[in-house]
Amino acid sequence: MRSPTYLHDLLVSTIFTEGLDAEMDLWALGFSAMWIKGADLDALARAFHLDLATRTPCHLSEILDHNIDDGSTWVAEVGGWIGIVPAHADSERLRSITEGGREALGLLMDINGNAYFDYARDGHMVVSFDPTWPEKRYGDDPHALDHLMDGLRFQISDDDVFDNLVEDPESISSALALIGRITETDIAADWFLAQHSCIRPTS
C-alpha cells in the first residue's frame, strides 16, 4: 500500500536533484502547475510565450535545471490535457484561459507557505480552496468536486490530534490525487515520471 504522502514525496524527489539546499521544498521553490483541456499547444504557446521551435524531450526531473539556465517550461500532453510547469497558476489567469469552453486546474504553493487549488471551466472559477483547509471553498459551485474527493485527506490536523495526523505532505498528495481523478490520468506514471518536453520562452 502506498504512503498517503506518496505523490508529494515523488514530486519533491523528481523536482529536486542532489546537491540542492536540504532546506529547499516546494513552498520555498514557489511551485506552480496548470493542466488545461480543450486548447491546442499552439494556442497555449502564445498564451504562455513559448517558442515551439525550441521544443526538446525532457523529464520533469530535468526542468529545474533548464528553467534556471534558460527559463524553459515543462510541457506534457496526456489524455487530452496539457500540463505546464511552472505555470504561475493564479486564479484569474486560470479563469481567463478557460474562456471558450476549456477546463483548467491549477496548483500553486508560494514562498509564504500558502497553497491553492483551483478548477475553472468556460471562463468561470468553479471551485477554489486551500488544500490544507478545504472546508472553506469558493467559486460558482464550491462542492462540484466533492464526489471525487472521497478517501482523500486535506484538512491539516489540529494541535490536539496525536493519531493519524494529516500534515502538509498528505494534503498536497491529496490535491495531486484529485487532479489525477479529474484528468483521469495517473499523476505519477503519466506526468511525473514520463518523458515529455521542455520549451524555451520567446525572446
Protein backbone atom coordinates (compact mmCIF):
# COMPACT_ATOMS: atom_id res chain seq x y z
CA MET A 1 0.00 0.00 0.00
CA ARG A 2 1.36 3.42 -0.96
CA SER A 3 2.09 6.05 1.65
CA PRO A 4 -0.56 8.77 1.96
CA THR A 5 2.22 11.26 1.13
CA TYR A 6 3.40 9.31 -1.93
CA LEU A 7 2.58 11.86 -4.64
CA HIS A 8 4.02 14.78 -2.68
CA ASP A 9 7.18 12.83 -1.93
CA LEU A 10 7.51 11.70 -5.55
CA LEU A 11 7.11 15.27 -6.80
CA VAL A 12 9.77 16.50 -4.36
CA SER A 13 12.23 13.76 -5.31
CA THR A 14 11.55 14.40 -9.02
CA ILE A 15 11.88 18.18 -8.94
CA PHE A 16 14.89 18.43 -6.63
CA THR A 17 18.17 16.90 -7.70
CA GLU A 18 21.11 16.02 -5.46
CA GLY A 19 23.25 18.84 -4.18
CA LEU A 20 20.48 21.35 -3.53
CA ASP A 21 19.99 23.01 -0.15
CA ALA A 22 18.49 20.46 2.24
CA GLU A 23 16.02 23.11 3.40
CA MET A 24 14.58 23.56 -0.09
CA ASP A 25 10.98 22.41 -0.52
CA LEU A 26 8.05 23.06 -2.85
CA TRP A 27 6.98 26.11 -0.90
CA ALA A 28 10.48 27.62 -0.88
CA LEU A 29 10.71 26.97 -4.62
CA GLY A 30 7.34 28.56 -5.30
CA PHE A 31 5.92 25.56 -7.17
CA SER A 32 3.16 26.15 -9.71
CA ALA A 33 1.46 23.86 -12.23
CA MET A 34 -1.50 24.01 -14.55
CA TRP A 35 -3.45 21.41 -16.50
CA ILE A 36 -5.63 22.58 -19.42
CA LYS A 37 -8.18 20.69 -21.53
CA GLY A 38 -9.67 21.93 -24.77
CA ALA A 39 -6.76 24.05 -26.00
CA ASP A 40 -4.14 23.05 -28.54
CA LEU A 41 -0.46 23.54 -27.92
CA ASP A 42 -0.16 26.38 -30.44
CA ALA A 43 -2.75 28.41 -28.52
CA LEU A 44 -1.10 27.73 -25.18
CA ALA A 45 2.33 28.57 -26.59
CA ARG A 46 1.03 32.01 -27.47
CA ALA A 47 -0.63 32.44 -24.07
CA PHE A 48 2.49 31.39 -22.17
CA HIS A 49 5.00 32.99 -24.60
CA LEU A 50 6.65 29.68 -25.50
CA ASP A 51 8.81 29.18 -28.60
CA LEU A 52 7.71 25.80 -30.01
CA ALA A 53 10.79 25.72 -32.27
CA THR A 54 12.88 25.08 -29.14
CA ARG A 55 10.85 22.05 -28.02
CA THR A 56 13.07 19.17 -26.87
CA PRO A 57 12.41 15.89 -24.97
CA CYS A 58 12.52 16.40 -21.21
CA HIS A 59 11.60 14.69 -17.96
CA LEU A 60 10.14 16.69 -15.09
CA SER A 61 13.30 15.82 -13.14
CA GLU A 62 15.28 17.98 -15.60
CA ILE A 63 13.10 21.07 -15.70
CA LEU A 64 14.51 22.89 -12.66
CA ASP A 65 17.99 23.00 -14.23
CA HIS A 66 16.56 24.02 -17.62
CA ASN A 67 14.37 26.69 -16.06
CA ILE A 68 17.30 28.17 -14.15
CA ASP A 69 19.53 28.08 -17.26
CA ASP A 70 17.20 29.46 -19.92
CA GLY A 71 13.70 29.92 -18.49
CA SER A 72 12.34 26.73 -20.07
CA THR A 73 8.90 25.42 -19.17
CA TRP A 74 7.98 21.73 -18.90
CA VAL A 75 5.02 20.86 -21.13
CA ALA A 76 3.26 17.48 -21.11
CA GLU A 77 0.32 16.14 -23.11
CA VAL A 78 -1.75 13.26 -21.74
CA GLY A 79 -5.32 12.20 -22.44
CA GLY A 80 -6.44 15.48 -23.94
CA TRP A 81 -4.89 17.54 -21.11
CA ILE A 82 -1.78 19.71 -21.37
CA GLY A 83 0.28 20.13 -18.20
CA ILE A 84 2.63 23.09 -17.71
CA VAL A 85 5.33 23.58 -15.01
CA PRO A 86 5.95 26.26 -13.87
CA ALA A 87 2.67 27.91 -14.77
CA HIS A 88 2.14 30.72 -12.23
CA ALA A 89 -1.39 29.41 -11.84
CA ASP A 90 -3.14 32.30 -10.13
CA SER A 91 -6.93 32.02 -10.18
CA GLU A 92 -7.56 34.93 -12.55
CA ARG A 93 -5.21 33.60 -15.21
CA LEU A 94 -6.69 30.14 -14.80
CA ARG A 95 -10.20 31.50 -15.25
CA SER A 96 -9.33 33.56 -18.31
CA ILE A 97 -7.56 30.71 -20.10
CA THR A 98 -10.73 28.60 -19.94
CA GLU A 99 -12.87 31.04 -21.91
CA GLY A 100 -14.35 29.35 -24.95
CA GLY A 101 -15.29 26.03 -23.34
CA ARG A 102 -11.94 24.95 -21.90
CA GLU A 103 -11.22 23.42 -18.48
CA ALA A 104 -8.19 24.11 -16.31
CA LEU A 105 -6.73 23.02 -12.99
CA GLY A 106 -4.12 24.91 -11.02
CA LEU A 107 -1.95 24.02 -8.05
CA LEU A 108 0.15 26.78 -6.54
CA MET A 109 2.43 26.73 -3.50
CA ASP A 110 4.06 30.05 -2.65
CA ILE A 111 7.07 31.13 -0.62
CA ASN A 112 4.79 32.39 2.16
CA GLY A 113 3.60 28.86 2.92
CA ASN A 114 0.25 29.18 1.15
CA ALA A 115 -1.26 26.56 -1.13
CA TYR A 116 -4.09 26.97 -3.64
CA PHE A 117 -6.13 24.50 -5.69
CA ASP A 118 -8.36 25.90 -8.45
CA TYR A 119 -10.69 24.38 -11.02
CA ALA A 120 -12.08 26.63 -13.74
CA ARG A 121 -14.34 25.94 -16.70
CA ASP A 122 -15.62 28.06 -19.59
CA GLY A 123 -14.41 31.35 -18.12
CA HIS A 124 -15.73 30.71 -14.61
CA MET A 125 -13.99 29.69 -11.39
CA VAL A 126 -15.94 26.58 -10.41
CA VAL A 127 -14.20 25.80 -7.13
CA SER A 128 -11.17 27.14 -5.31
CA PHE A 129 -9.72 26.13 -1.95
CA ASP A 130 -6.62 25.81 0.15
CA PRO A 131 -5.71 22.08 0.18
CA THR A 132 -4.74 22.40 3.85
CA TRP A 133 -8.13 23.92 4.75
CA PRO A 134 -10.73 22.64 2.22
CA GLU A 135 -13.76 23.36 4.37
CA LYS A 136 -13.64 26.93 3.08
CA ARG A 137 -14.35 26.62 -0.63
CA TYR A 138 -15.12 29.38 -3.08
CA GLY A 139 -16.39 29.63 -6.64
CA ASP A 140 -19.58 29.26 -8.62
CA ASP A 141 -20.10 25.67 -7.42
CA PRO A 142 -17.92 25.08 -4.32
CA HIS A 143 -18.98 21.44 -3.96
CA ALA A 144 -18.62 20.46 -7.63
CA LEU A 145 -15.68 18.12 -6.91
CA ASP A 146 -16.95 16.57 -3.69
CA HIS A 147 -17.74 13.25 -5.38
CA LEU A 148 -14.09 12.97 -6.48
CA MET A 149 -12.66 13.77 -3.05
CA ASP A 150 -13.82 10.59 -1.29
CA GLY A 151 -10.95 8.94 0.61
CA LEU A 152 -8.64 11.94 0.24
CA ARG A 153 -7.46 13.79 3.33
CA PHE A 154 -6.71 17.50 3.08
CA GLN A 155 -7.50 19.11 6.40
CA ILE A 156 -4.36 19.75 8.46
CA SER A 157 -4.80 18.25 11.92
CA ASP A 158 -5.25 20.48 14.97
CA ASP A 159 -2.60 20.60 17.68
CA ASP A 160 -4.65 18.32 19.94
CA VAL A 161 -4.69 15.45 17.40
CA PHE A 162 -1.98 12.88 18.06
CA ASP A 163 -3.01 9.86 16.00
CA ASN A 164 -3.40 9.57 12.24
CA LEU A 165 -2.25 13.13 11.64
CA VAL A 166 -2.80 14.98 8.39
CA GLU A 167 0.18 17.20 7.62
CA ASP A 168 1.21 19.31 4.63
CA PRO A 169 2.67 16.47 2.50
CA GLU A 170 -0.53 14.43 2.74
CA SER A 171 -2.66 17.46 1.94
CA ILE A 172 -0.63 18.18 -1.20
CA SER A 173 -0.70 14.47 -2.14
CA SER A 174 -4.49 14.60 -1.88
CA ALA A 175 -4.61 17.65 -4.16
CA LEU A 176 -2.44 15.83 -6.72
CA ALA A 177 -4.60 12.71 -6.44
CA LEU A 178 -7.67 14.86 -7.07
CA ILE A 179 -6.04 16.27 -10.21
CA GLY A 180 -5.44 12.69 -11.35
CA ARG A 181 -9.10 11.84 -10.80
CA ILE A 182 -10.33 14.88 -12.70
CA THR A 183 -7.97 14.33 -15.64
CA GLU A 184 -8.47 10.54 -15.50
CA THR A 185 -4.70 10.03 -15.63
CA ASP A 186 -2.02 8.52 -13.44
CA ILE A 187 -0.24 11.54 -11.91
CA ALA A 188 2.89 9.50 -11.16
CA ALA A 189 3.33 7.39 -14.31
CA ASP A 190 1.75 9.68 -16.90
CA TRP A 191 3.12 13.02 -15.71
CA PHE A 192 5.89 12.98 -13.10
CA LEU A 193 7.90 10.02 -14.43
CA ALA A 194 7.17 10.15 -18.17
CA GLN A 195 9.26 11.96 -20.75
CA HIS A 196 7.54 14.98 -22.24
CA SER A 197 9.03 18.30 -23.44
CA CYS A 198 10.75 21.45 -22.32
CA ILE A 199 10.19 24.64 -24.30
CA ARG A 200 12.08 27.92 -24.04
CA PRO A 201 10.33 31.26 -23.78
CA THR A 202 10.06 33.53 -26.78
CA SER A 203 12.83 36.11 -26.82
